Amino acid sequence: MPRPVVPVPNELSKPFWDACNQRRLVLQNCTACNRLQFPPERTCAECGSGQHLDWREVQGRGSINGYVVVHDSRLQAFWEQQPYNIAIIELEEDPGIKFFSNLPGEPVDQVPVGARVELMFEEAAPGRLVPEWRVVAQTRPPSRI
């Protein structure tokens, strides 16, 4: 899916985007209260510390928490791809952290909620990678009695 805009890092997000370009996923980590957070902030959302924030690499595994299908995007660059999925990815390392993914390869409106996913990277522009997720294991539907 083509990107309407290539991410432009700012001072706060630069470590995240630099890591993506190296095919790594990093999250801000507060060493004072041992909490991960995303998106990056100047202070920890839990304890308020600004002096104890660093970056920690995570595996990028998780599950699909839910999804929507976009039928009428306001972004002109996406009009030709409509309809498309946007899935909410819940990270294994911290279920409170969510990412969005269009789940490359998954049919529209057939997103397997609860399925296990893993991180991959897609090129948004030459040398600029963005995180995406792909389904690696689907959950079984409940058996009927």
Protein backbone atom coordinates (compact mmCIF):
# COMPACT_ATOMS: atom_id res chain seq x y z
CA MET A 1 0.00 0.00 0.00
CA PRO A 2 1.69 3.26 -0.99
CA ARG A 3 2.22 5.82 1.74
CA PRO A 4 0.75 9.30 1.30
CA VAL A 5 3.61 10.84 3.25
CA VAL A 6 7.03 9.54 4.16
CA PRO A 7 7.55 9.85 7.93
CA VAL A 8 9.57 12.92 8.85
CA PRO A 9 11.34 12.32 12.15
CA ASN A 10 11.55 15.06 14.72
CA GLU A 11 13.98 15.22 17.64
CA LEU A 12 11.76 12.99 19.76
CA SER A 13 10.89 10.35 17.15
CA LYS A 14 14.28 10.16 15.36
CA PRO A 15 15.58 7.14 17.36
CA PHE A 16 12.39 5.23 16.49
CA TRP A 17 12.64 5.94 12.74
CA ASP A 18 16.41 5.35 12.66
CA ALA A 19 15.83 1.91 14.19
CA CYS A 20 13.05 1.15 11.68
CA ASN A 21 15.48 1.91 8.86
CA GLN A 22 17.75 -0.75 10.42
CA ARG A 23 14.80 -3.19 10.55
CA ARG A 24 14.51 -2.93 14.34
CA LEU A 25 11.59 -1.84 16.51
CA VAL A 26 12.46 0.26 19.54
CA LEU A 27 10.18 1.79 22.14
CA GLN A 28 10.81 4.41 24.74
CA ASN A 29 11.58 2.85 28.10
CA CYS A 30 11.50 4.52 31.50
CA THR A 31 14.23 3.04 33.66
CA ALA A 32 12.76 4.73 36.76
CA CYS A 33 9.50 2.75 36.67
CA ASN A 34 10.35 0.09 34.06
CA ARG A 35 7.56 1.12 31.68
CA LEU A 36 7.52 1.02 27.88
CA GLN A 37 5.69 3.76 26.02
CA PHE A 38 4.75 4.64 22.47
CA PRO A 39 4.51 7.11 20.90
CA PRO A 40 7.57 8.76 22.39
CA GLU A 41 7.03 11.61 24.85
CA ARG A 42 9.33 14.00 26.67
CA THR A 43 8.38 12.48 30.03
CA CYS A 44 7.17 9.10 31.23
CA ALA A 45 3.38 8.89 31.16
CA GLU A 46 3.46 6.74 34.32
CA CYS A 47 5.91 8.43 36.72
CA GLY A 48 6.60 11.78 35.00
CA SER A 49 10.36 11.27 34.80
CA GLY A 50 12.13 12.93 31.91
CA GLN A 51 15.66 11.99 32.94
CA HIS A 52 15.20 8.21 32.85
CA LEU A 53 13.95 7.67 29.31
CA ASP A 54 15.95 5.54 26.89
CA TRP A 55 15.15 3.17 24.03
CA ARG A 56 14.63 -0.57 24.23
CA GLU A 57 14.41 -2.99 21.33
CA VAL A 58 11.34 -5.24 21.26
CA GLN A 59 10.56 -8.30 19.17
CA GLY A 60 7.51 -6.88 17.42
CA ARG A 61 5.32 -9.91 18.00
CA GLY A 62 1.74 -9.52 19.05
CA SER A 63 -1.87 -10.16 18.16
CA ILE A 64 -4.71 -8.47 16.34
CA ASN A 65 -6.91 -6.63 18.82
CA GLY A 66 -9.49 -5.41 16.29
CA TYR A 67 -9.78 -3.75 12.91
CA VAL A 68 -11.74 -1.43 10.66
CA VAL A 69 -12.18 -1.36 6.91
CA VAL A 70 -11.65 2.02 5.28
CA HIS A 71 -14.11 2.57 2.45
CA ASP A 72 -13.90 6.37 2.21
CA SER A 73 -10.42 7.65 3.02
CA ARG A 74 -9.91 11.37 3.26
CA LEU A 75 -6.34 10.80 2.04
CA GLN A 76 -6.35 11.10 -1.75
CA ALA A 77 -3.24 8.92 -2.07
CA PHE A 78 -5.27 5.96 -0.70
CA TRP A 79 -8.37 6.35 -2.90
CA GLU A 80 -7.24 3.77 -5.47
CA GLN A 81 -6.56 1.16 -2.73
CA GLN A 82 -10.00 1.41 -1.12
CA PRO A 83 -11.36 -0.50 0.60
CA TYR A 84 -8.46 -1.54 2.86
CA ASN A 85 -7.93 -2.93 6.36
CA ILE A 86 -6.49 -1.10 9.32
CA ALA A 87 -5.78 -3.55 12.14
CA ILE A 88 -4.94 -2.69 15.73
CA ILE A 89 -1.84 -4.61 16.77
CA GLU A 90 -1.34 -5.29 20.49
CA LEU A 91 2.32 -5.89 21.32
CA GLU A 92 3.34 -8.99 23.23
CA GLU A 93 5.88 -7.08 25.35
CA ASP A 94 3.22 -4.61 26.51
CA PRO A 95 -0.44 -5.14 25.53
CA GLY A 96 -1.12 -1.48 26.37
CA ILE A 97 0.95 -0.40 23.36
CA LYS A 98 -0.92 -0.49 20.08
CA PHE A 99 0.23 -0.06 16.50
CA PHE A 100 -1.82 0.16 13.31
CA SER A 101 -1.16 -2.05 10.28
CA ASN A 102 -2.90 -2.68 7.00
CA LEU A 103 -1.81 -6.34 7.26
CA PRO A 104 -0.27 -6.83 3.82
CA GLY A 105 -1.68 -9.95 2.17
CA GLU A 106 -4.89 -10.18 4.21
CA PRO A 107 -8.15 -9.88 2.25
CA VAL A 108 -10.36 -6.87 2.94
CA ASP A 109 -12.76 -7.44 5.83
CA GLN A 110 -11.33 -10.89 6.57
CA VAL A 111 -8.97 -9.90 9.37
CA PRO A 112 -8.56 -12.74 11.86
CA VAL A 113 -9.05 -10.95 15.20
CA GLY A 114 -6.92 -12.64 17.85
CA ALA A 115 -4.42 -13.97 15.30
CA ARG A 116 -0.71 -13.86 16.12
CA VAL A 117 1.34 -11.38 14.08
CA GLU A 118 4.99 -10.55 13.60
CA LEU A 119 6.81 -7.43 12.56
CA MET A 120 7.98 -6.75 9.03
CA PHE A 121 9.09 -3.54 7.37
CA GLU A 122 7.84 -1.94 4.17
CA GLU A 123 9.63 0.69 2.16
CA ALA A 124 7.69 3.98 2.18
CA ALA A 125 10.37 5.67 0.05
CA PRO A 126 13.92 4.72 -0.92
CA GLY A 127 15.79 4.04 2.32
CA ARG A 128 12.76 4.85 4.52
CA LEU A 129 11.12 1.86 6.22
CA VAL A 130 7.87 1.76 8.19
CA PRO A 131 6.70 -1.04 10.51
CA GLU A 132 3.91 -3.33 9.35
CA TRP A 133 2.70 -6.69 10.66
CA ARG A 134 1.78 -9.98 9.01
CA VAL A 135 -0.36 -12.82 10.27
CA VAL A 136 1.69 -15.87 11.33
CA ALA A 137 -0.89 -17.98 13.19
CA GLN A 138 -4.64 -17.72 13.24
CA THR A 139 -6.73 -18.61 16.22
CA ARG A 140 -9.27 -21.37 15.82
CA PRO A 141 -12.92 -20.39 15.79
CA PRO A 142 -14.81 -21.68 18.84
CA SER A 143 -16.15 -25.20 18.31
CA ARG A 144 -19.89 -25.62 18.17
CA ILE A 145 -21.59 -28.15 20.36
